[in-house]
C-alpha atoms as a PDB file:
ATOM      1  CA  UNK A   1      42.109  -8.965 -53.888  1.00  0.00           C
ATOM      2  CA  UNK A   2      41.737 -11.686 -56.067  1.00  0.00           C
ATOM      3  CA  UNK A   3      43.076 -14.134 -53.349  1.00  0.00           C
ATOM      4  CA  UNK A   4      40.708 -12.712 -50.956  1.00  0.00           C
ATOM      5  CA  UNK A   5      37.743 -13.251 -53.357  1.00  0.00           C
ATOM      6  CA  UNK A   6      38.895 -16.975 -53.583  1.00  0.00           C
ATOM      7  CA  UNK A   7      39.309 -17.093 -49.858  1.00  0.00           C
ATOM      8  CA  UNK A   8      35.772 -16.054 -49.210  1.00  0.00           C
ATOM      9  CA  UNK A   9      34.251 -18.361 -52.094  1.00  0.00           C
ATOM     10  CA  UNK A  10      36.102 -21.172 -50.313  1.00  0.00           C
ATOM     11  CA  UNK A  11      34.802 -20.476 -47.092  1.00  0.00           C
ATOM     12  CA  UNK A  12      31.156 -20.003 -48.174  1.00  0.00           C
ATOM     13  CA  UNK A  13      31.411 -23.630 -49.861  1.00  0.00           C
ATOM     14  CA  UNK A  14      32.694 -24.749 -46.639  1.00  0.00           C
ATOM     15  CA  UNK A  15      29.737 -23.318 -44.716  1.00  0.00           C
ATOM     16  CA  UNK A  16      27.492 -25.059 -47.066  1.00  0.00           C
ATOM     17  CA  UNK A  17      28.997 -28.405 -46.329  1.00  0.00           C
ATOM     18  CA  UNK A  18      29.828 -27.649 -42.773  1.00  0.00           C
ATOM     19  CA  UNK A  19      33.466 -28.255 -43.512  1.00  0.00           C
ATOM     20  CA  UNK A  20      36.172 -25.720 -42.566  1.00  0.00           C
ATOM     21  CA  UNK A  21      39.264 -25.817 -44.988  1.00  0.00           C
ATOM     22  CA  UNK A  22      42.688 -26.097 -43.364  1.00  0.00           C
ATOM     23  CA  UNK A  23      41.889 -23.367 -40.754  1.00  0.00           C
ATOM     24  CA  UNK A  24      45.501 -23.527 -39.267  1.00  0.00           C
ATOM     25  CA  UNK A  25      47.010 -22.849 -42.721  1.00  0.00           C
ATOM     26  CA  UNK A  26      44.450 -19.781 -43.216  1.00  0.00           C
ATOM     27  CA  UNK A  27      45.313 -18.142 -39.893  1.00  0.00           C
ATOM     28  CA  UNK A  28      49.063 -18.582 -40.579  1.00  0.00           C
ATOM     29  CA  UNK A  29      48.267 -16.949 -43.970  1.00  0.00           C
ATOM     30  CA  UNK A  30      46.413 -14.091 -42.482  1.00  0.00           C
ATOM     31  CA  UNK A  31      48.969 -13.618 -39.689  1.00  0.00           C
ATOM     32  CA  UNK A  32      51.707 -13.399 -42.440  1.00  0.00           C
ATOM     33  CA  UNK A  33      49.776 -10.910 -44.759  1.00  0.00           C
ATOM     34  CA  UNK A  34      49.124  -8.848 -41.619  1.00  0.00           C
ATOM     35  CA  UNK A  35      52.878  -8.497 -40.723  1.00  0.00           C
ATOM     36  CA  UNK A  36      53.652  -7.745 -44.389  1.00  0.00           C
ATOM     37  CA  UNK A  37      51.023  -5.112 -44.466  1.00  0.00           C
ATOM     38  CA  UNK A  38      52.568  -3.542 -41.265  1.00  0.00           C
ATOM     39  CA  UNK A  39      56.104  -3.567 -42.835  1.00  0.00           C
ATOM     40  CA  UNK A  40      54.840  -2.044 -46.085  1.00  0.00           C
ATOM     41  CA  UNK A  41      52.865   0.569 -44.312  1.00  0.00           C
ATOM     42  CA  UNK A  42      56.230   1.798 -42.194  1.00  0.00           C
ATOM     43  CA  UNK A  43      58.243   1.714 -45.479  1.00  0.00           C
ATOM     44  CA  UNK A  44      55.600   4.014 -47.269  1.00  0.00           C
ATOM     45  CA  UNK A  45      55.685   6.255 -44.113  1.00  0.00           C
ATOM     46  CA  UNK A  46      59.616   6.750 -44.563  1.00  0.00           C
ATOM     47  CA  UNK A  47      59.292   7.287 -48.429  1.00  0.00           C
ATOM     48  CA  UNK A  48      56.656  10.034 -47.846  1.00  0.00           C
ATOM     49  CA  UNK A  49      58.773  12.034 -45.195  1.00  0.00           C
ATOM     50  CA  UNK A  50      61.192  12.372 -48.157  1.00  0.00           C
ATOM     51  CA  UNK A  51      58.543  14.023 -50.454  1.00  0.00           C
ATOM     52  CA  UNK A  52      57.386  17.625 -50.614  1.00  0.00           C
ATOM     53  CA  UNK A  53      53.594  16.882 -49.968  1.00  0.00           C
ATOM     54  CA  UNK A  54      54.307  14.729 -46.918  1.00  0.00           C
ATOM     55  CA  UNK A  55      50.678  14.731 -45.443  1.00  0.00           C
ATOM     56  CA  UNK A  56      48.805  13.661 -48.743  1.00  0.00           C
ATOM     57  CA  UNK A  57      51.622  10.790 -49.105  1.00  0.00           C
ATOM     58  CA  UNK A  58      50.891   9.582 -45.584  1.00  0.00           C
ATOM     59  CA  UNK A  59      47.299   9.925 -45.756  1.00  0.00           C
ATOM     60  CA  UNK A  60      47.349   7.836 -48.942  1.00  0.00           C
ATOM     61  CA  UNK A  61      49.554   5.161 -47.531  1.00  0.00           C
ATOM     62  CA  UNK A  62      47.095   5.080 -44.188  1.00  0.00           C
ATOM     63  CA  UNK A  63      44.225   4.370 -46.470  1.00  0.00           C
ATOM     64  CA  UNK A  64      45.945   1.699 -48.283  1.00  0.00           C
ATOM     65  CA  UNK A  65      47.124   0.152 -44.939  1.00  0.00           C
ATOM     66  CA  UNK A  66      43.492   0.304 -43.292  1.00  0.00           C
ATOM     67  CA  UNK A  67      42.113  -1.300 -46.560  1.00  0.00           C
ATOM     68  CA  UNK A  68      44.436  -4.239 -46.436  1.00  0.00           C
ATOM     69  CA  UNK A  69      44.198  -4.748 -42.670  1.00  0.00           C
ATOM     70  CA  UNK A  70      40.428  -4.416 -42.936  1.00  0.00           C
ATOM     71  CA  UNK A  71      40.172  -7.162 -45.567  1.00  0.00           C
ATOM     72  CA  UNK A  72      42.243  -9.534 -43.308  1.00  0.00           C
ATOM     73  CA  UNK A  73      40.022  -8.831 -40.473  1.00  0.00           C
ATOM     74  CA  UNK A  74      36.982  -9.765 -42.532  1.00  0.00           C
ATOM     75  CA  UNK A  75      38.475 -12.861 -43.706  1.00  0.00           C
ATOM     76  CA  UNK A  76      39.366 -13.920 -40.142  1.00  0.00           C
ATOM     77  CA  UNK A  77      35.787 -13.162 -39.085  1.00  0.00           C
ATOM     78  CA  UNK A  78      34.686 -15.410 -42.026  1.00  0.00           C
ATOM     79  CA  UNK A  79      36.909 -18.202 -40.728  1.00  0.00           C
ATOM     80  CA  UNK A  80      35.893 -17.750 -37.211  1.00  0.00           C
ATOM     81  CA  UNK A  81      32.207 -18.047 -38.277  1.00  0.00           C
ATOM     82  CA  UNK A  82      33.005 -21.108 -40.416  1.00  0.00           C
ATOM     83  CA  UNK A  83      34.809 -22.701 -37.524  1.00  0.00           C
ATOM     84  CA  UNK A  84      31.599 -22.110 -35.185  1.00  0.00           C
ATOM     85  CA  UNK A  85      29.416 -23.659 -37.945  1.00  0.00           C
ATOM     86  CA  UNK A  86      31.814 -26.780 -38.270  1.00  0.00           C
ATOM     87  CA  UNK A  87      31.623 -27.116 -34.355  1.00  0.00           C
ATOM     88  CA  UNK A  88      27.791 -26.729 -34.241  1.00  0.00           C
ATOM     89  CA  UNK A  89      27.751 -29.349 -37.153  1.00  0.00           C
ATOM     90  CA  UNK A  90      29.642 -31.812 -35.277  1.00  0.00           C
ATOM     91  CA  UNK A  91      27.730 -31.366 -32.135  1.00  0.00           C
ATOM     92  CA  UNK A  92      24.557 -32.005 -33.868  1.00  0.00           C
ATOM     93  CA  UNK A  93      26.068 -35.031 -35.760  1.00  0.00           C
ATOM     94  CA  UNK A  94      26.805 -36.570 -32.415  1.00  0.00           C
ATOM     95  CA  UNK A  95      23.379 -35.890 -30.970  1.00  0.00           C
ATOM     96  CA  UNK A  96      21.949 -37.461 -34.078  1.00  0.00           C
ATOM     97  CA  UNK A  97      24.093 -40.475 -34.001  1.00  0.00           C
ATOM     98  CA  UNK A  98      23.261 -40.812 -30.299  1.00  0.00           C
ATOM     99  CA  UNK A  99      19.366 -40.682 -30.956  1.00  0.00           C
ATOM    100  CA  UNK A 100      19.736 -42.763 -33.889  1.00  0.00           C
ATOM    101  CA  UNK A 101      17.807 -46.300 -33.688  1.00  0.00           C
ATOM    102  CA  UNK A 102      21.104 -47.978 -34.146  1.00  0.00           C
ATOM    103  CA  UNK A 103      22.780 -46.274 -31.491  1.00  0.00           C
ATOM    104  CA  UNK A 104      19.651 -46.621 -29.016  1.00  0.00           C
ATOM    105  CA  UNK A 105      19.733 -50.343 -29.762  1.00  0.00           C
ATOM    106  CA  UNK A 106      23.378 -50.569 -28.842  1.00  0.00           C
ATOM    107  CA  UNK A 107      22.827 -48.739 -25.769  1.00  0.00           C
ATOM    108  CA  UNK A 108      19.863 -50.950 -24.803  1.00  0.00           C
ATOM    109  CA  UNK A 109      22.184 -53.896 -25.513  1.00  0.00           C
ATOM    110  CA  UNK A 110      24.834 -52.750 -23.473  1.00  0.00           C
ATOM    111  CA  UNK A 111      22.535 -51.879 -20.584  1.00  0.00           C
ATOM    112  CA  UNK A 112      21.228 -55.366 -20.796  1.00  0.00           C
ATOM    113  CA  UNK A 113      24.674 -56.820 -20.663  1.00  0.00           C
ATOM    114  CA  UNK A 114      25.669 -54.994 -17.738  1.00  0.00           C
ATOM    115  CA  UNK A 115      22.615 -55.943 -15.623  1.00  0.00           C
ATOM    116  CA  UNK A 116      23.075 -59.672 -16.730  1.00  0.00           C
ATOM    117  CA  UNK A 117      26.841 -59.444 -15.536  1.00  0.00           C
ATOM    118  CA  UNK A 118      25.668 -57.698 -12.204  1.00  0.00           C
ATOM    119  CA  UNK A 119      22.905 -60.318 -11.629  1.00  0.00           C
ATOM    120  CA  UNK A 120      25.563 -63.126 -12.128  1.00  0.00           C
ATOM    121  CA  UNK A 121      27.790 -61.408  -9.770  1.00  0.00           C
ATOM    122  CA  UNK A 122      25.099 -61.076  -7.237  1.00  0.00           C
ATOM    123  CA  UNK A 123      24.051 -64.767  -7.548  1.00  0.00           C
ATOM    124  CA  UNK A 124      27.749 -65.895  -7.101  1.00  0.00           C
ATOM    125  CA  UNK A 125      27.956 -63.982  -3.964  1.00  0.00           C
ATOM    126  CA  UNK A 126      24.751 -65.224  -2.611  1.00  0.00           C
ATOM    127  CA  UNK A 127      25.821 -68.836  -3.392  1.00  0.00           C
ATOM    128  CA  UNK A 128      29.116 -68.373  -1.390  1.00  0.00           C
ATOM    129  CA  UNK A 129      27.317 -66.753   1.517  1.00  0.00           C
ATOM    130  CA  UNK A 130      24.983 -69.797   1.756  1.00  0.00           C
ATOM    131  CA  UNK A 131      27.901 -72.159   1.419  1.00  0.00           C
ATOM    132  CA  UNK A 132      29.780 -70.428   4.160  1.00  0.00           C
ATOM    133  CA  UNK A 133      26.646 -70.597   6.376  1.00  0.00           C
ATOM    134  CA  UNK A 134      26.044 -74.261   5.451  1.00  0.00           C
ATOM    135  CA  UNK A 135      29.764 -75.139   6.552  1.00  0.00           C
ATOM    136  CA  UNK A 136      29.410 -73.094   9.777  1.00  0.00           C
ATOM    137  CA  UNK A 137      26.404 -74.881  10.639  1.00  0.00           C
ATOM    138  CA  UNK A 138      27.946 -78.238   9.908  1.00  0.00           C
ATOM    139  CA  UNK A 139      31.095 -77.436  12.132  1.00  0.00           C
ATOM    140  CA  UNK A 140      28.628 -76.386  15.002  1.00  0.00           C
ATOM    141  CA  UNK A 141      26.796 -79.580  14.725  1.00  0.00           C
ATOM    142  CA  UNK A 142      30.186 -81.707  14.709  1.00  0.00           C
ATOM    143  CA  UNK A 143      31.671 -79.656  17.726  1.00  0.00           C
ATOM    144  CA  UNK A 144      31.583 -81.204  21.088  1.00  0.00           C
ATOM    145  CA  UNK A 145      29.141 -79.620  23.769  1.00  0.00           C
ATOM    146  CA  UNK A 146      30.237 -79.353  27.257  1.00  0.00           C
ATOM    147  CA  UNK A 147      27.642 -78.680  30.081  1.00  0.00           C
ATOM    148  CA  UNK A 148      28.324 -75.307  31.789  1.00  0.00           C
ATOM    149  CA  UNK A 149      27.569 -74.697  35.446  1.00  0.00           C
ATOM    150  CA  UNK A 150      24.505 -72.720  34.409  1.00  0.00           C
ATOM    151  CA  UNK A 151      23.057 -75.750  32.485  1.00  0.00           C
ATOM    152  CA  UNK A 152      23.890 -74.244  28.930  1.00  0.00           C
ATOM    153  CA  UNK A 153      26.153 -76.070  26.589  1.00  0.00           C
ATOM    154  CA  UNK A 154      28.233 -75.277  23.698  1.00  0.00           C
ATOM    155  CA  UNK A 155      31.096 -76.222  21.670  1.00  0.00           C
ATOM    156  CA  UNK A 156      34.522 -76.385  23.621  1.00  0.00           C
ATOM    157  CA  UNK A 157      32.628 -75.631  26.714  1.00  0.00           C
ATOM    158  CA  UNK A 158      31.520 -72.264  25.959  1.00  0.00           C
ATOM    159  CA  UNK A 159      27.826 -71.136  26.966  1.00  0.00           C
ATOM    160  CA  UNK A 160      25.629 -70.625  23.845  1.00  0.00           C
ATOM    161  CA  UNK A 161      22.925 -68.826  25.751  1.00  0.00           C
ATOM    162  CA  UNK A 162      23.375 -64.973  26.216  1.00  0.00           C
ATOM    163  CA  UNK A 163      24.124 -63.875  29.756  1.00  0.00           C
ATOM    164  CA  UNK A 164      21.300 -62.847  32.029  1.00  0.00           C
ATOM    165  CA  UNK A 165      21.067 -59.060  32.196  1.00  0.00           C
ATOM    166  CA  UNK A 166      22.513 -57.838  35.456  1.00  0.00           C
ATOM    167  CA  UNK A 167      19.896 -56.834  37.828  1.00  0.00           C
ATOM    168  CA  UNK A 168      19.948 -53.528  39.752  1.00  0.00           C
ATOM    169  CA  UNK A 169      20.569 -53.788  43.555  1.00  0.00           C
ATOM    170  CA  UNK A 170      21.875 -56.609  45.663  1.00  0.00           C
ATOM    171  CA  UNK A 171      21.462 -60.201  44.761  1.00  0.00           C
ATOM    172  CA  UNK A 172      19.566 -62.704  47.029  1.00  0.00           C
ATOM    173  CA  UNK A 173      23.086 -63.892  48.731  1.00  0.00           C
ATOM    174  CA  UNK A 174      24.301 -60.233  49.186  1.00  0.00           C
ATOM    175  CA  UNK A 175      20.933 -59.469  50.793  1.00  0.00           C
ATOM    176  CA  UNK A 176      21.207 -62.577  53.188  1.00  0.00           C
ATOM    177  CA  UNK A 177      24.854 -61.519  53.972  1.00  0.00           C
ATOM    178  CA  UNK A 178      23.663 -57.909  54.876  1.00  0.00           C
ATOM    179  CA  UNK A 179      20.862 -59.126  57.171  1.00  0.00           C
ATOM    180  CA  UNK A 180      23.165 -61.411  59.099  1.00  0.00           C
ATOM    181  CA  UNK A 181      25.746 -58.568  59.445  1.00  0.00           C
ATOM    182  CA  UNK A 182      22.794 -56.376  60.667  1.00  0.00           C
ATOM    183  CA  UNK A 183      21.716 -58.957  63.317  1.00  0.00           C
ATOM    184  CA  UNK A 184      25.367 -59.231  64.462  1.00  0.00           C
ATOM    185  CA  UNK A 185      25.788 -55.594  64.998  1.00  0.00           C
ATOM    186  CA  UNK A 186      22.355 -55.567  67.108  1.00  0.00           C
ATOM    187  CA  UNK A 187      23.574 -58.726  69.142  1.00  0.00           C
ATOM    188  CA  UNK A 188      26.984 -57.110  69.741  1.00  0.00           C
ATOM    189  CA  UNK A 189      25.342 -53.656  70.731  1.00  0.00           C
ATOM    190  CA  UNK A 190      22.859 -55.389  73.277  1.00  0.00           C
ATOM    191  CA  UNK A 191      25.918 -57.489  74.720  1.00  0.00           C
ATOM    192  CA  UNK A 192      27.992 -54.249  75.227  1.00  0.00           C
ATOM    193  CA  UNK A 193      24.793 -52.591  76.854  1.00  0.00           C
ATOM    194  CA  UNK A 194      24.578 -55.376  79.226  1.00  0.00           C
ATOM    195  CA  UNK A 195      28.107 -55.371  80.184  1.00  0.00           C
ATOM    196  CA  UNK A 196      28.033 -51.664  80.900  1.00  0.00           C
ATOM    197  CA  UNK A 197      25.103 -51.984  83.053  1.00  0.00           C
ATOM    198  CA  UNK A 198      26.687 -54.914  85.055  1.00  0.00           C
ATOM    199  CA  UNK A 199      29.955 -52.758  85.544  1.00  0.00           C
ATOM    200  CA  UNK A 200      27.814 -49.897  86.686  1.00  0.00           C
ATOM    201  CA  UNK A 201      25.907 -51.968  89.102  1.00  0.00           C
ATOM    202  CA  UNK A 202      29.062 -53.268  90.682  1.00  0.00           C
ATOM    203  CA  UNK A 203      30.355 -49.891  91.407  1.00  0.00           C
ATOM    204  CA  UNK A 204      27.402 -48.785  93.197  1.00  0.00           C
ATOM    205  CA  UNK A 205      27.919 -48.848  97.124  1.00  0.00           C
ATOM    206  CA  UNK A 206      25.220 -49.269  99.771  1.00  0.00           C
ATOM    207  CA  UNK A 207      23.858 -46.103 101.515  1.00  0.00           C
ATOM    208  CA  UNK A 208      25.496 -45.173 104.702  1.00  0.00           C
ATOM    209  CA  UNK A 209      23.844 -46.116 108.369  1.00  0.00           C
ATOM    210  CA  UNK A 210      21.937 -43.460 110.102  1.00  0.00           C
ATOM    211  CA  UNK A 211      24.227 -41.917 113.050  1.00  0.00           C
ATOM    212  CA  UNK A 212      22.504 -42.008 116.517  1.00  0.00           C
ATOM    213  CA  UNK A 213      20.859 -38.798 117.759  1.00  0.00           C
ATOM    214  CA  UNK A 214      22.751 -36.697 120.020  1.00  0.00           C
ATOM    215  CA  UNK A 215      22.042 -36.974 123.771  1.00  0.00           C
ATOM    216  CA  UNK A 216      20.708 -33.820 125.364  1.00  0.00           C
ATOM    217  CA  UNK A 217      21.844 -33.119 128.846  1.00  0.00           C
ATOM    218  CA  UNK A 218      19.783 -31.090 131.626  1.00  0.00           C
ATOM    219  CA  UNK A 219      20.972 -27.649 132.559  1.00  0.00           C
END
């Protein structure tokens, strides 16, 4: 009991200062005392069964066991509450440190440093892109240009102008060819028709001469 009072006072002081004593050691102590209470209770039950007033002895042993275990439960509850207070105090401390002027100043400096580094990277990238574009333009200027059949010119004989879009329907050359084929087919058809008519004319025979009228004799 004396140890329990000391433990409760220690936990109360820890709660005031938001610091929990060696919680792991306290939990091991509680675990050991609970095991010892269980062992003591079983031994008392064995002794009571050898006495004349068994029920009274067992009831007394049970009350003593419950008293010991209830005290241990209370100590464990106080320890848990102290740990919760400690976690809450630590969390609040982190919030306070984060919102402190010093931390805000550090955060602002870090953001400004990150922004400056990003701007520097962007500037270097833009400088490289501009240099690459200038080199390509210089290369285009120095490259030989060869006339192409359509009049466009480009380095190494390649046309620089985009190709004309493909028109829907036949081109002028295709239309002229189609017209010539059509005229040829018409002329061939007319020729064939004339040949057929000539052949038919040759096959036509002149009509036969009229036969003389029969001579009638008198009766």
